[in-house]
Every structure is written in C-alpha cells, then in structure tokens.
Amino acid sequence: MSWSDLYRQAGARHGVVTLDDARAAGVPATTLRHRAAAEEWPVLHRGVWALPGAPDTPLRAGAAALAAVGERGVLARRSAAWMWGLRAHPPVRPEVLFAHARGATAHDGLVALRSRSLRDVDRTDRQGLRVTTPARTLGDLAAVTSFERLAETVVRARQRGLVELPDLAAQVAVMRKARGIQRLREAVVLLDGERVDSMLEHDIRAGLANARLPAPAREPIWLGSGPGRLQIDIAWPELRVGIEVDGFAWHHSAEDLARDHRKGNVAAAAGWILLRVGYLRWRTDRAGFLAEARTVLSARNPAAAGPLVAGIGHN
C-alpha cells in the first residue's frame, strides 16, 4: 500500500481523502496530516480532505459528508432526489439519513436526519455514493415538499423508470408514521389507473358547465378510422375545438409522449385547436384554464358577440 493507492481510492470518491483511507493504505495519520497542511488541502470535515485540484462539486460534498459520518449514513431526501435526477439542484448542505436506533451525531456542513423506518433495502449506490432508493427518497421528500410538487416528482420518477406505483405503495406502508407521508399516499391514489383520469375528465366537464360554457359532445371524438384513429377527450366538433385531459395514468412514458405529439399534429392538420390541461393546472388554476377555453370557443363561434353561454354555432 502507498500514496498511489490512497490517491486512487480518493479519485473513486470524487477527490475525498480520510484518515481511514490513510490507515488502509499504510500511510500514518500524522504523515497524512502533515502533507495535507503543507500542501493546503481543503478541509471538508474533521479528518476529511479534498485532494488538491479536485473540483468543488455537489458530488464531492456528498462524498465528504458520507466520509465524515462513516457507514452509518446515507444521502437522502433532497440530496438523493438530486442524485436521481429528480431535482434541478442539490441542497446547500448534504442531507444524510441515519437509522434512528443507531443514533446520529451532529456534524457541521451537513443536515443529519433520523428515521426508525430506514431499512437496508432502502439503501443503494449511485455514482459511487451511498444513497436512498428512489422509492425511499420520495417517501422522505414528502416531509418537505408540497403535494403538487411531490406529485410532479413522482410522475418524473415514473417517466425515468425509477419507480412503479406498487413500490411507492409499499414504501408508504413502511413509512406510515413518517411526517408528511400522507402526501405520498394521496399521490399514489391520484396516479393509480384510469379511474382517476376519468374522474379528472368528469370534473373538467362539470367545471365547463359551471362556467356556463357551451356543452361539448357527450362522448370523446375520434379522428380518423381504423387502428390508428385518435381520440379527443372533450370536444366541440362543430367548432373543431378540443380539450386533451393529461391524466397521470396515461401520460408517463416516451410512447405516451409520441402518441400525444402525433395527435396534436393530426388535429392541427384537420383544423382543430387542442387545449391541454392536467391535474395540477386544473387544481391550482382552473379559472385561468376556463378563461383560455372561453377565448378559443368565442373566437371559433361567429355567432358569439361575447362569451359563449349556450349552444354551439356552425362554421
């Protein structure tokens, strides 16, 4: 064992060096401390340094945090969400989760979290770092994330193939007493199958009626014929105006996206205007969406001097 072994191990850990690494490489701790001081290695935590020239990145910060706490900790919550590509930016300080039974001592430069429900199966490796699994990560995020943002993150995780709804349902059961877990439970129920998509369409139809907009066709309208025909969820066929309800159950894969692109192109070629609305927009800004629908329907109805309130004219 030698300095080259030490540097090689540090390179695999995003440039982070510890006293334990020195001992394993046969380098005395005093020798390591002397070289680190003489060469002004950045001190990341007590007994943890960065090699000179190692880039200051979130991965290095995460590696240093894990090195500071030893095998007990695992990157979690917002740190883990960033690691899995579910957040655009990591937190300012790495968030490290400990099994509650083992305790967690305070460390400067990181956020120490505790949980009684952390299991070995909730841990995995990503980019050489210990991190919570995607399902566990979403469970922990529920404590610090709004329902709307959490639902969006779950959809993103499904799109990336990181989780399936049964995985999340099982995680909810394990974390049933965790703070905020009810949000994840509600998101799983929301995303669970056609039933919810149908409920969303029903609610939008009711919202159109309450806003006194003209009644759309009672059933979805189909464009084309044969196996390649396309369905418009809510439609005013005389005006060639439609609403696509982007429910979660059918909009979470690359195939879904390709189908939606084709539908939009075919509809545009046939002279249709397609409005789109999903659960989150409908929940948080239904008045804004209804105003958009009113504007489009009014523009397409030559008999309407103002907002449409009844009937559908013909072009």
C-alpha atoms as a PDB file:
ATOM      1  CA  MET A   1       0.000   0.000   0.000  1.00  0.00           C
ATOM      2  CA  SER A   2       1.232   3.502  -0.769  1.00  0.00           C
ATOM      3  CA  TRP A   3       0.337   7.072  -1.571  1.00  0.00           C
ATOM      4  CA  SER A   4      -0.675   5.963  -5.064  1.00  0.00           C
ATOM      5  CA  ASP A   5      -3.252   3.623  -3.505  1.00  0.00           C
ATOM      6  CA  LEU A   6      -4.536   6.477  -1.382  1.00  0.00           C
ATOM      7  CA  TYR A   7      -4.869   8.808  -4.370  1.00  0.00           C
ATOM      8  CA  ARG A   8      -6.549   6.103  -6.424  1.00  0.00           C
ATOM      9  CA  GLN A   9      -9.132   5.488  -3.725  1.00  0.00           C
ATOM     10  CA  ALA A  10      -9.729   9.222  -3.346  1.00  0.00           C
ATOM     11  CA  GLY A  11     -10.229   9.557  -7.070  1.00  0.00           C
ATOM     12  CA  ALA A  12     -13.005   6.978  -6.941  1.00  0.00           C
ATOM     13  CA  ARG A  13     -14.630   9.055  -4.190  1.00  0.00           C
ATOM     14  CA  HIS A  14     -14.725  12.350  -6.101  1.00  0.00           C
ATOM     15  CA  GLY A  15     -11.388  13.526  -4.662  1.00  0.00           C
ATOM     16  CA  VAL A  16     -12.151  12.966  -0.969  1.00  0.00           C
ATOM     17  CA  VAL A  17      -9.483  11.599   1.415  1.00  0.00           C
ATOM     18  CA  THR A  18      -9.955  10.441   5.025  1.00  0.00           C
ATOM     19  CA  LEU A  19      -7.758   9.267   7.872  1.00  0.00           C
ATOM     20  CA  ASP A  20      -9.283   5.813   7.482  1.00  0.00           C
ATOM     21  CA  ASP A  21      -8.101   5.788   3.862  1.00  0.00           C
ATOM     22  CA  ALA A  22      -4.581   6.607   5.034  1.00  0.00           C
ATOM     23  CA  ARG A  23      -4.575   3.775   7.553  1.00  0.00           C
ATOM     24  CA  ALA A  24      -5.850   1.344   4.924  1.00  0.00           C
ATOM     25  CA  ALA A  25      -3.108   2.468   2.534  1.00  0.00           C
ATOM     26  CA  GLY A  26      -0.410   2.111   5.166  1.00  0.00           C
ATOM     27  CA  VAL A  27       0.146   5.869   5.473  1.00  0.00           C
ATOM     28  CA  PRO A  28       0.483   7.082   9.082  1.00  0.00           C
ATOM     29  CA  ALA A  29      -2.179   9.575  10.153  1.00  0.00           C
ATOM     30  CA  THR A  30       0.478  12.099  11.198  1.00  0.00           C
ATOM     31  CA  THR A  31       2.096  11.842   7.777  1.00  0.00           C
ATOM     32  CA  LEU A  32      -1.226  12.481   6.062  1.00  0.00           C
ATOM     33  CA  ARG A  33      -1.990  15.461   8.306  1.00  0.00           C
ATOM     34  CA  HIS A  34       1.482  16.920   7.645  1.00  0.00           C
ATOM     35  CA  ARG A  35       1.164  16.635   3.859  1.00  0.00           C
ATOM     36  CA  ALA A  36      -2.401  17.988   3.892  1.00  0.00           C
ATOM     37  CA  ALA A  37      -1.267  21.010   5.895  1.00  0.00           C
ATOM     38  CA  ALA A  38       1.894  21.601   3.853  1.00  0.00           C
ATOM     39  CA  GLU A  39       0.044  21.400   0.524  1.00  0.00           C
ATOM     40  CA  GLU A  40      -3.026  23.242   1.873  1.00  0.00           C
ATOM     41  CA  TRP A  41      -5.533  20.541   1.066  1.00  0.00           C
ATOM     42  CA  PRO A  42      -9.110  21.848   1.553  1.00  0.00           C
ATOM     43  CA  VAL A  43     -10.529  20.612   4.866  1.00  0.00           C
ATOM     44  CA  LEU A  44     -14.094  19.412   4.277  1.00  0.00           C
ATOM     45  CA  HIS A  45     -14.862  17.865   7.668  1.00  0.00           C
ATOM     46  CA  ARG A  46     -12.840  16.740  10.647  1.00  0.00           C
ATOM     47  CA  GLY A  47     -10.446  14.118   9.315  1.00  0.00           C
ATOM     48  CA  VAL A  48     -11.714  14.622   5.749  1.00  0.00           C
ATOM     49  CA  TRP A  49      -9.850  16.488   2.996  1.00  0.00           C
ATOM     50  CA  ALA A  50     -10.148  17.125  -0.721  1.00  0.00           C
ATOM     51  CA  LEU A  51      -7.201  16.344  -2.950  1.00  0.00           C
ATOM     52  CA  PRO A  52      -5.596  19.431  -4.481  1.00  0.00           C
ATOM     53  CA  GLY A  53      -7.298  20.185  -7.779  1.00  0.00           C
ATOM     54  CA  ALA A  54     -10.367  18.046  -7.102  1.00  0.00           C
ATOM     55  CA  PRO A  55     -13.341  20.086  -8.412  1.00  0.00           C
ATOM     56  CA  ASP A  56     -15.683  21.507  -5.795  1.00  0.00           C
ATOM     57  CA  THR A  57     -18.909  19.777  -6.891  1.00  0.00           C
ATOM     58  CA  PRO A  58     -22.079  18.571  -5.146  1.00  0.00           C
ATOM     59  CA  LEU A  59     -20.800  15.028  -5.606  1.00  0.00           C
ATOM     60  CA  ARG A  60     -17.632  15.882  -3.709  1.00  0.00           C
ATOM     61  CA  ALA A  61     -19.725  17.480  -0.960  1.00  0.00           C
ATOM     62  CA  GLY A  62     -21.856  14.360  -0.739  1.00  0.00           C
ATOM     63  CA  ALA A  63     -18.823  12.086  -0.663  1.00  0.00           C
ATOM     64  CA  ALA A  64     -17.260  14.206   2.083  1.00  0.00           C
ATOM     65  CA  ALA A  65     -20.438  14.117   4.156  1.00  0.00           C
ATOM     66  CA  LEU A  66     -20.615  10.328   3.909  1.00  0.00           C
ATOM     67  CA  ALA A  67     -16.911  10.039   4.755  1.00  0.00           C
ATOM     68  CA  ALA A  68     -17.446  12.214   7.831  1.00  0.00           C
ATOM     69  CA  VAL A  69     -20.227  10.031   9.257  1.00  0.00           C
ATOM     70  CA  GLY A  70     -18.908   6.620   8.227  1.00  0.00           C
ATOM     71  CA  GLU A  71     -21.003   3.670   7.163  1.00  0.00           C
ATOM     72  CA  ARG A  72     -23.950   4.725   9.304  1.00  0.00           C
ATOM     73  CA  GLY A  73     -25.260   7.428   6.988  1.00  0.00           C
ATOM     74  CA  VAL A  74     -26.779   7.542   3.517  1.00  0.00           C
ATOM     75  CA  LEU A  75     -27.539  10.528   1.286  1.00  0.00           C
ATOM     76  CA  ALA A  76     -31.277  11.151   1.424  1.00  0.00           C
ATOM     77  CA  ARG A  77     -34.183  13.475   0.824  1.00  0.00           C
ATOM     78  CA  ARG A  78     -33.212  16.443  -1.428  1.00  0.00           C
ATOM     79  CA  SER A  79     -29.629  15.209  -1.840  1.00  0.00           C
ATOM     80  CA  ALA A  80     -30.871  11.832  -3.029  1.00  0.00           C
ATOM     81  CA  ALA A  81     -33.531  13.417  -5.241  1.00  0.00           C
ATOM     82  CA  TRP A  82     -30.807  15.406  -6.992  1.00  0.00           C
ATOM     83  CA  MET A  83     -28.683  12.282  -7.339  1.00  0.00           C
ATOM     84  CA  TRP A  84     -31.589  10.517  -9.073  1.00  0.00           C
ATOM     85  CA  GLY A  85     -32.220  13.461 -11.400  1.00  0.00           C
ATOM     86  CA  LEU A  86     -35.499  14.413  -9.721  1.00  0.00           C
ATOM     87  CA  ARG A  87     -34.351  17.903  -8.667  1.00  0.00           C
ATOM     88  CA  ALA A  88     -32.510  20.501 -10.712  1.00  0.00           C
ATOM     89  CA  HIS A  89     -30.216  21.497  -7.839  1.00  0.00           C
ATOM     90  CA  PRO A  90     -28.849  19.807  -4.709  1.00  0.00           C
ATOM     91  CA  PRO A  91     -29.459  21.328  -1.270  1.00  0.00           C
ATOM     92  CA  VAL A  92     -26.928  23.798   0.099  1.00  0.00           C
ATOM     93  CA  ARG A  93     -25.836  21.220   2.704  1.00  0.00           C
ATOM     94  CA  PRO A  94     -25.913  17.467   2.004  1.00  0.00           C
ATOM     95  CA  GLU A  95     -28.781  15.690   3.749  1.00  0.00           C
ATOM     96  CA  VAL A  96     -27.698  12.442   5.411  1.00  0.00           C
ATOM     97  CA  LEU A  97     -30.115   9.926   6.903  1.00  0.00           C
ATOM     98  CA  PHE A  98     -29.340   7.591   9.805  1.00  0.00           C
ATOM     99  CA  ALA A  99     -31.248   4.637  11.200  1.00  0.00           C
ATOM    100  CA  HIS A 100     -32.725   6.020  14.414  1.00  0.00           C
ATOM    101  CA  ALA A 101     -31.668   3.068  16.537  1.00  0.00           C
ATOM    102  CA  ARG A 102     -28.014   3.746  15.769  1.00  0.00           C
ATOM    103  CA  GLY A 103     -28.221   7.424  16.599  1.00  0.00           C
ATOM    104  CA  ALA A 104     -26.805  10.337  14.669  1.00  0.00           C
ATOM    105  CA  THR A 105     -24.231  12.786  15.925  1.00  0.00           C
ATOM    106  CA  ALA A 106     -24.191  16.390  14.759  1.00  0.00           C
ATOM    107  CA  HIS A 107     -21.770  17.385  12.021  1.00  0.00           C
ATOM    108  CA  ASP A 108     -21.055  20.818  10.631  1.00  0.00           C
ATOM    109  CA  GLY A 109     -21.714  21.217   6.942  1.00  0.00           C
ATOM    110  CA  LEU A 110     -24.462  18.612   6.622  1.00  0.00           C
ATOM    111  CA  VAL A 111     -28.045  18.026   7.696  1.00  0.00           C
ATOM    112  CA  ALA A 112     -28.386  14.918   9.887  1.00  0.00           C
ATOM    113  CA  LEU A 113     -31.771  13.160   9.663  1.00  0.00           C
ATOM    114  CA  ARG A 114     -33.048  10.209  11.683  1.00  0.00           C
ATOM    115  CA  SER A 115     -35.643   7.565  10.907  1.00  0.00           C
ATOM    116  CA  ARG A 116     -36.871   4.428  12.615  1.00  0.00           C
ATOM    117  CA  SER A 117     -38.087   3.031   9.294  1.00  0.00           C
ATOM    118  CA  LEU A 118     -34.803   3.126   7.336  1.00  0.00           C
ATOM    119  CA  ARG A 119     -34.046  -0.413   6.144  1.00  0.00           C
ATOM    120  CA  ASP A 120     -31.067  -1.965   4.394  1.00  0.00           C
ATOM    121  CA  VAL A 121     -33.216  -2.403   1.248  1.00  0.00           C
ATOM    122  CA  ASP A 122     -33.758   1.374   1.226  1.00  0.00           C
ATOM    123  CA  ARG A 123     -30.034   1.898   0.543  1.00  0.00           C
ATOM    124  CA  THR A 124     -28.216   1.606  -2.748  1.00  0.00           C
ATOM    125  CA  ASP A 125     -25.205   3.083  -4.583  1.00  0.00           C
ATOM    126  CA  ARG A 126     -25.207   5.765  -7.246  1.00  0.00           C
ATOM    127  CA  GLN A 127     -22.110   7.329  -8.777  1.00  0.00           C
ATOM    128  CA  GLY A 128     -20.044   5.674  -6.066  1.00  0.00           C
ATOM    129  CA  LEU A 129     -22.056   7.144  -3.188  1.00  0.00           C
ATOM    130  CA  ARG A 130     -24.487   5.613  -0.699  1.00  0.00           C
ATOM    131  CA  VAL A 131     -27.973   6.943  -1.415  1.00  0.00           C
ATOM    132  CA  THR A 132     -31.567   6.070  -0.621  1.00  0.00           C
ATOM    133  CA  THR A 133     -33.540   4.209  -3.271  1.00  0.00           C
ATOM    134  CA  PRO A 134     -35.927   6.236  -5.447  1.00  0.00           C
ATOM    135  CA  ALA A 135     -38.979   4.979  -3.537  1.00  0.00           C
ATOM    136  CA  ARG A 136     -37.459   5.802  -0.156  1.00  0.00           C
ATOM    137  CA  THR A 137     -36.294   9.168  -1.496  1.00  0.00           C
ATOM    138  CA  LEU A 138     -39.853  10.092  -2.457  1.00  0.00           C
ATOM    139  CA  GLY A 139     -41.058   8.994   0.967  1.00  0.00           C
ATOM    140  CA  ASP A 140     -38.559  11.312   2.653  1.00  0.00           C
ATOM    141  CA  LEU A 141     -39.324  14.182   0.266  1.00  0.00           C
ATOM    142  CA  ALA A 142     -42.972  14.052   1.325  1.00  0.00           C
ATOM    143  CA  ALA A 143     -41.994  15.719   4.610  1.00  0.00           C
ATOM    144  CA  VAL A 144     -40.603  18.844   2.927  1.00  0.00           C
ATOM    145  CA  THR A 145     -42.490  19.090  -0.376  1.00  0.00           C
ATOM    146  CA  SER A 146     -45.945  20.379  -1.302  1.00  0.00           C
ATOM    147  CA  PHE A 147     -48.438  17.864  -2.644  1.00  0.00           C
ATOM    148  CA  GLU A 148     -48.342  19.397  -6.123  1.00  0.00           C
ATOM    149  CA  ARG A 149     -44.543  19.315  -6.310  1.00  0.00           C
ATOM    150  CA  LEU A 150     -44.437  15.791  -4.881  1.00  0.00           C
ATOM    151  CA  ALA A 151     -46.934  14.527  -7.463  1.00  0.00           C
ATOM    152  CA  GLU A 152     -44.856  16.101 -10.240  1.00  0.00           C
ATOM    153  CA  THR A 153     -41.742  14.414  -8.866  1.00  0.00           C
ATOM    154  CA  VAL A 154     -43.474  11.043  -8.728  1.00  0.00           C
ATOM    155  CA  VAL A 155     -44.509  11.441 -12.364  1.00  0.00           C
ATOM    156  CA  ARG A 156     -40.923  12.330 -13.282  1.00  0.00           C
ATOM    157  CA  ALA A 157     -39.624   9.283 -11.418  1.00  0.00           C
ATOM    158  CA  ARG A 158     -42.051   7.058 -13.310  1.00  0.00           C
ATOM    159  CA  GLN A 159     -41.066   8.614 -16.623  1.00  0.00           C
ATOM    160  CA  ARG A 160     -37.437   7.816 -15.859  1.00  0.00           C
ATOM    161  CA  GLY A 161     -38.298   4.226 -14.952  1.00  0.00           C
ATOM    162  CA  LEU A 162     -37.119   4.692 -11.352  1.00  0.00           C
ATOM    163  CA  VAL A 163     -40.299   3.592  -9.563  1.00  0.00           C
ATOM    164  CA  GLU A 164     -43.623   1.911 -10.083  1.00  0.00           C
ATOM    165  CA  LEU A 165     -46.736   2.711  -8.094  1.00  0.00           C
ATOM    166  CA  PRO A 166     -46.657  -0.627  -6.195  1.00  0.00           C
ATOM    167  CA  ASP A 167     -43.143   0.275  -4.983  1.00  0.00           C
ATOM    168  CA  LEU A 168     -44.441   3.550  -3.609  1.00  0.00           C
ATOM    169  CA  ALA A 169     -47.488   1.938  -2.021  1.00  0.00           C
ATOM    170  CA  ALA A 170     -45.176  -0.476  -0.207  1.00  0.00           C
ATOM    171  CA  GLN A 171     -42.936   2.408   0.885  1.00  0.00           C
ATOM    172  CA  VAL A 172     -45.937   4.297   2.245  1.00  0.00           C
ATOM    173  CA  ALA A 173     -46.846   1.256   4.333  1.00  0.00           C
ATOM    174  CA  VAL A 174     -43.329   1.066   5.793  1.00  0.00           C
ATOM    175  CA  MET A 175     -43.178   4.814   6.498  1.00  0.00           C
ATOM    176  CA  ARG A 176     -46.786   5.108   7.665  1.00  0.00           C
ATOM    177  CA  LYS A 177     -45.822   7.180  10.739  1.00  0.00           C
ATOM    178  CA  ALA A 178     -43.353   9.469   8.969  1.00  0.00           C
ATOM    179  CA  ARG A 179     -44.054  13.174   8.741  1.00  0.00           C
ATOM    180  CA  GLY A 180     -45.811  14.136   5.512  1.00  0.00           C
ATOM    181  CA  ILE A 181     -46.218  10.561   4.246  1.00  0.00           C
ATOM    182  CA  GLN A 182     -49.937  11.195   3.748  1.00  0.00           C
ATOM    183  CA  ARG A 183     -48.976  13.382   0.773  1.00  0.00           C
ATOM    184  CA  LEU A 184     -47.261  10.457  -0.921  1.00  0.00           C
ATOM    185  CA  ARG A 185     -50.222   8.214  -0.123  1.00  0.00           C
ATOM    186  CA  GLU A 186     -52.557  10.702  -1.822  1.00  0.00           C
ATOM    187  CA  ALA A 187     -50.243  10.973  -4.825  1.00  0.00           C
ATOM    188  CA  VAL A 188     -50.247   7.185  -5.240  1.00  0.00           C
ATOM    189  CA  VAL A 189     -54.046   7.140  -5.116  1.00  0.00           C
ATOM    190  CA  LEU A 190     -54.214  10.006  -7.606  1.00  0.00           C
ATOM    191  CA  LEU A 191     -51.918   8.325 -10.091  1.00  0.00           C
ATOM    192  CA  ASP A 192     -53.402   4.869  -9.747  1.00  0.00           C
ATOM    193  CA  GLY A 193     -55.052   3.959 -13.006  1.00  0.00           C
ATOM    194  CA  GLU A 194     -57.746   5.021 -15.469  1.00  0.00           C
ATOM    195  CA  ARG A 195     -60.269   5.627 -12.721  1.00  0.00           C
ATOM    196  CA  VAL A 196     -58.529   8.834 -11.705  1.00  0.00           C
ATOM    197  CA  ASP A 197     -58.149  10.020 -15.297  1.00  0.00           C
ATOM    198  CA  SER A 198     -61.881   9.507 -15.776  1.00  0.00           C
ATOM    199  CA  MET A 199     -62.580  11.412 -12.567  1.00  0.00           C
ATOM    200  CA  LEU A 200     -60.450  14.314 -13.795  1.00  0.00           C
ATOM    201  CA  GLU A 201     -62.304  14.434 -17.125  1.00  0.00           C
ATOM    202  CA  HIS A 202     -65.625  14.338 -15.276  1.00  0.00           C
ATOM    203  CA  ASP A 203     -64.544  17.222 -13.049  1.00  0.00           C
ATOM    204  CA  ILE A 204     -63.424  19.301 -16.039  1.00  0.00           C
ATOM    205  CA  ARG A 205     -66.750  18.739 -17.787  1.00  0.00           C
ATOM    206  CA  ALA A 206     -68.520  19.879 -14.631  1.00  0.00           C
ATOM    207  CA  GLY A 207     -66.263  22.945 -14.480  1.00  0.00           C
ATOM    208  CA  LEU A 208     -67.147  23.846 -18.076  1.00  0.00           C
ATOM    209  CA  ALA A 209     -70.842  23.636 -17.227  1.00  0.00           C
ATOM    210  CA  ASN A 210     -70.442  25.708 -14.058  1.00  0.00           C
ATOM    211  CA  ALA A 211     -68.637  28.376 -16.089  1.00  0.00           C
ATOM    212  CA  ARG A 212     -71.624  28.400 -18.477  1.00  0.00           C
ATOM    213  CA  LEU A 213     -69.528  27.456 -21.462  1.00  0.00           C
ATOM    214  CA  PRO A 214     -71.252  25.610 -24.309  1.00  0.00           C
ATOM    215  CA  ALA A 215     -71.776  21.934 -23.730  1.00  0.00           C
ATOM    216  CA  PRO A 216     -69.223  19.726 -25.503  1.00  0.00           C
ATOM    217  CA  ALA A 217     -70.058  16.411 -27.137  1.00  0.00           C
ATOM    218  CA  ARG A 218     -71.159  13.852 -24.569  1.00  0.00           C
ATOM    219  CA  GLU A 219     -68.507  11.328 -25.585  1.00  0.00           C
ATOM    220  CA  PRO A 220     -64.895  11.624 -26.830  1.00  0.00           C
ATOM    221  CA  ILE A 221     -64.498  12.338 -30.539  1.00  0.00           C
ATOM    222  CA  TRP A 222     -62.338  10.171 -32.775  1.00  0.00           C
ATOM    223  CA  LEU A 223     -60.137  11.455 -35.578  1.00  0.00           C
ATOM    224  CA  GLY A 224     -59.523   9.092 -38.475  1.00  0.00           C
ATOM    225  CA  SER A 225     -60.508   5.438 -38.631  1.00  0.00           C
ATOM    226  CA  GLY A 226     -59.005   2.022 -38.090  1.00  0.00           C
ATOM    227  CA  PRO A 227     -56.350   1.117 -35.510  1.00  0.00           C
ATOM    228  CA  GLY A 228     -54.563   4.433 -35.990  1.00  0.00           C
ATOM    229  CA  ARG A 229     -57.504   6.645 -35.089  1.00  0.00           C
ATOM    230  CA  LEU A 230     -57.044   9.186 -32.319  1.00  0.00           C
ATOM    231  CA  GLN A 231     -59.366  10.234 -29.515  1.00  0.00           C
ATOM    232  CA  ILE A 232     -60.045  13.790 -28.349  1.00  0.00           C
ATOM    233  CA  ASP A 233     -61.247  13.656 -24.768  1.00  0.00           C
ATOM    234  CA  ILE A 234     -63.577  16.670 -24.682  1.00  0.00           C
ATOM    235  CA  ALA A 235     -64.648  18.174 -27.992  1.00  0.00           C
ATOM    236  CA  TRP A 236     -66.843  20.681 -29.780  1.00  0.00           C
ATOM    237  CA  PRO A 237     -66.693  19.011 -33.217  1.00  0.00           C
ATOM    238  CA  GLU A 238     -68.692  21.738 -34.989  1.00  0.00           C
ATOM    239  CA  LEU A 239     -66.079  24.260 -33.915  1.00  0.00           C
ATOM    240  CA  ARG A 240     -63.156  21.900 -34.179  1.00  0.00           C
ATOM    241  CA  VAL A 241     -62.074  22.750 -30.658  1.00  0.00           C
ATOM    242  CA  GLY A 242     -60.985  20.072 -28.212  1.00  0.00           C
ATOM    243  CA  ILE A 243     -59.526  19.617 -24.753  1.00  0.00           C
ATOM    244  CA  GLU A 244     -56.911  16.990 -24.027  1.00  0.00           C
ATOM    245  CA  VAL A 245     -57.034  15.821 -20.420  1.00  0.00           C
ATOM    246  CA  ASP A 246     -53.452  14.947 -19.488  1.00  0.00           C
ATOM    247  CA  GLY A 247     -54.230  12.475 -16.749  1.00  0.00           C
ATOM    248  CA  PHE A 248     -51.311  10.840 -14.959  1.00  0.00           C
ATOM    249  CA  ALA A 249     -52.278   7.261 -15.720  1.00  0.00           C
ATOM    250  CA  TRP A 250     -51.710   7.645 -19.470  1.00  0.00           C
ATOM    251  CA  HIS A 251     -49.009  10.298 -19.689  1.00  0.00           C
ATOM    252  CA  HIS A 252     -45.819   8.970 -18.141  1.00  0.00           C
ATOM    253  CA  SER A 253     -43.775   7.279 -20.870  1.00  0.00           C
ATOM    254  CA  ALA A 254     -41.953   8.081 -24.096  1.00  0.00           C
ATOM    255  CA  GLU A 255     -44.643   6.174 -26.015  1.00  0.00           C
ATOM    256  CA  ASP A 256     -47.334   8.359 -24.452  1.00  0.00           C
ATOM    257  CA  LEU A 257     -45.434  11.480 -25.461  1.00  0.00           C
ATOM    258  CA  ALA A 258     -45.028  10.262 -29.044  1.00  0.00           C
ATOM    259  CA  ARG A 259     -48.744   9.475 -29.254  1.00  0.00           C
ATOM    260  CA  ASP A 260     -49.644  12.920 -27.941  1.00  0.00           C
ATOM    261  CA  HIS A 261     -47.338  14.583 -30.478  1.00  0.00           C
ATOM    262  CA  ARG A 262     -48.962  12.648 -33.327  1.00  0.00           C
ATOM    263  CA  LYS A 263     -52.449  13.500 -32.075  1.00  0.00           C
ATOM    264  CA  GLY A 264     -51.609  17.191 -31.920  1.00  0.00           C
ATOM    265  CA  ASN A 265     -50.188  17.167 -35.439  1.00  0.00           C
ATOM    266  CA  VAL A 266     -53.129  15.253 -36.934  1.00  0.00           C
ATOM    267  CA  ALA A 267     -55.611  17.542 -35.202  1.00  0.00           C
ATOM    268  CA  ALA A 268     -53.818  20.682 -36.407  1.00  0.00           C
ATOM    269  CA  ALA A 269     -53.767  19.375 -39.987  1.00  0.00           C
ATOM    270  CA  ALA A 270     -57.535  18.882 -39.738  1.00  0.00           C
ATOM    271  CA  GLY A 271     -58.037  22.437 -38.485  1.00  0.00           C
ATOM    272  CA  TRP A 272     -58.579  21.652 -34.819  1.00  0.00           C
ATOM    273  CA  ILE A 273     -57.425  23.702 -31.846  1.00  0.00           C
ATOM    274  CA  LEU A 274     -56.460  21.450 -28.947  1.00  0.00           C
ATOM    275  CA  LEU A 275     -56.222  22.856 -25.438  1.00  0.00           C
ATOM    276  CA  ARG A 276     -54.385  20.802 -22.839  1.00  0.00           C
ATOM    277  CA  VAL A 277     -54.940  20.585 -19.112  1.00  0.00           C
ATOM    278  CA  GLY A 278     -53.657  18.240 -16.409  1.00  0.00           C
ATOM    279  CA  TYR A 279     -54.479  17.622 -12.797  1.00  0.00           C
ATOM    280  CA  LEU A 280     -52.066  20.145 -11.341  1.00  0.00           C
ATOM    281  CA  ARG A 281     -53.203  23.003 -13.620  1.00  0.00           C
ATOM    282  CA  TRP A 282     -56.839  22.156 -13.002  1.00  0.00           C
ATOM    283  CA  ARG A 283     -56.314  22.042  -9.251  1.00  0.00           C
ATOM    284  CA  THR A 284     -54.309  25.252  -8.960  1.00  0.00           C
ATOM    285  CA  ASP A 285     -55.551  27.454 -11.844  1.00  0.00           C
ATOM    286  CA  ARG A 286     -58.858  26.215 -13.174  1.00  0.00           C
ATOM    287  CA  ALA A 287     -60.138  29.790 -13.559  1.00  0.00           C
ATOM    288  CA  GLY A 288     -57.202  30.596 -15.824  1.00  0.00           C
ATOM    289  CA  PHE A 289     -57.790  27.500 -17.949  1.00  0.00           C
ATOM    290  CA  LEU A 290     -61.528  28.183 -18.238  1.00  0.00           C
ATOM    291  CA  ALA A 291     -60.726  31.721 -19.403  1.00  0.00           C
ATOM    292  CA  GLU A 292     -58.481  30.265 -22.126  1.00  0.00           C
ATOM    293  CA  ALA A 293     -61.224  27.860 -23.205  1.00  0.00           C
ATOM    294  CA  ARG A 294     -63.758  30.704 -23.325  1.00  0.00           C
ATOM    295  CA  THR A 295     -61.464  32.786 -25.528  1.00  0.00           C
ATOM    296  CA  VAL A 296     -60.886  29.961 -28.017  1.00  0.00           C
ATOM    297  CA  LEU A 297     -64.552  28.960 -28.202  1.00  0.00           C
ATOM    298  CA  SER A 298     -65.629  32.580 -28.680  1.00  0.00           C
ATOM    299  CA  ALA A 299     -63.113  33.057 -31.481  1.00  0.00           C
ATOM    300  CA  ARG A 300     -64.355  29.934 -33.248  1.00  0.00           C
ATOM    301  CA  ASN A 301     -68.076  30.781 -32.924  1.00  0.00           C
ATOM    302  CA  PRO A 302     -69.051  33.594 -35.353  1.00  0.00           C
ATOM    303  CA  ALA A 303     -72.475  33.891 -33.715  1.00  0.00           C
ATOM    304  CA  ALA A 304     -70.953  34.807 -30.338  1.00  0.00           C
ATOM    305  CA  ALA A 305     -70.695  38.535 -29.697  1.00  0.00           C
ATOM    306  CA  GLY A 306     -69.211  37.850 -26.267  1.00  0.00           C
ATOM    307  CA  PRO A 307     -68.500  34.886 -24.032  1.00  0.00           C
ATOM    308  CA  LEU A 308     -70.432  31.802 -25.144  1.00  0.00           C
ATOM    309  CA  VAL A 309     -73.073  30.694 -22.712  1.00  0.00           C
ATOM    310  CA  ALA A 310     -75.235  28.242 -24.658  1.00  0.00           C
ATOM    311  CA  GLY A 311     -75.329  26.305 -27.879  1.00  0.00           C
ATOM    312  CA  ILE A 312     -72.647  25.788 -30.491  1.00  0.00           C
ATOM    313  CA  GLY A 313     -72.666  27.606 -33.769  1.00  0.00           C
ATOM    314  CA  HIS A 314     -71.504  26.117 -37.081  1.00  0.00           C
ATOM    315  CA  ASN A 315     -68.705  27.334 -39.333  1.00  0.00           C
END
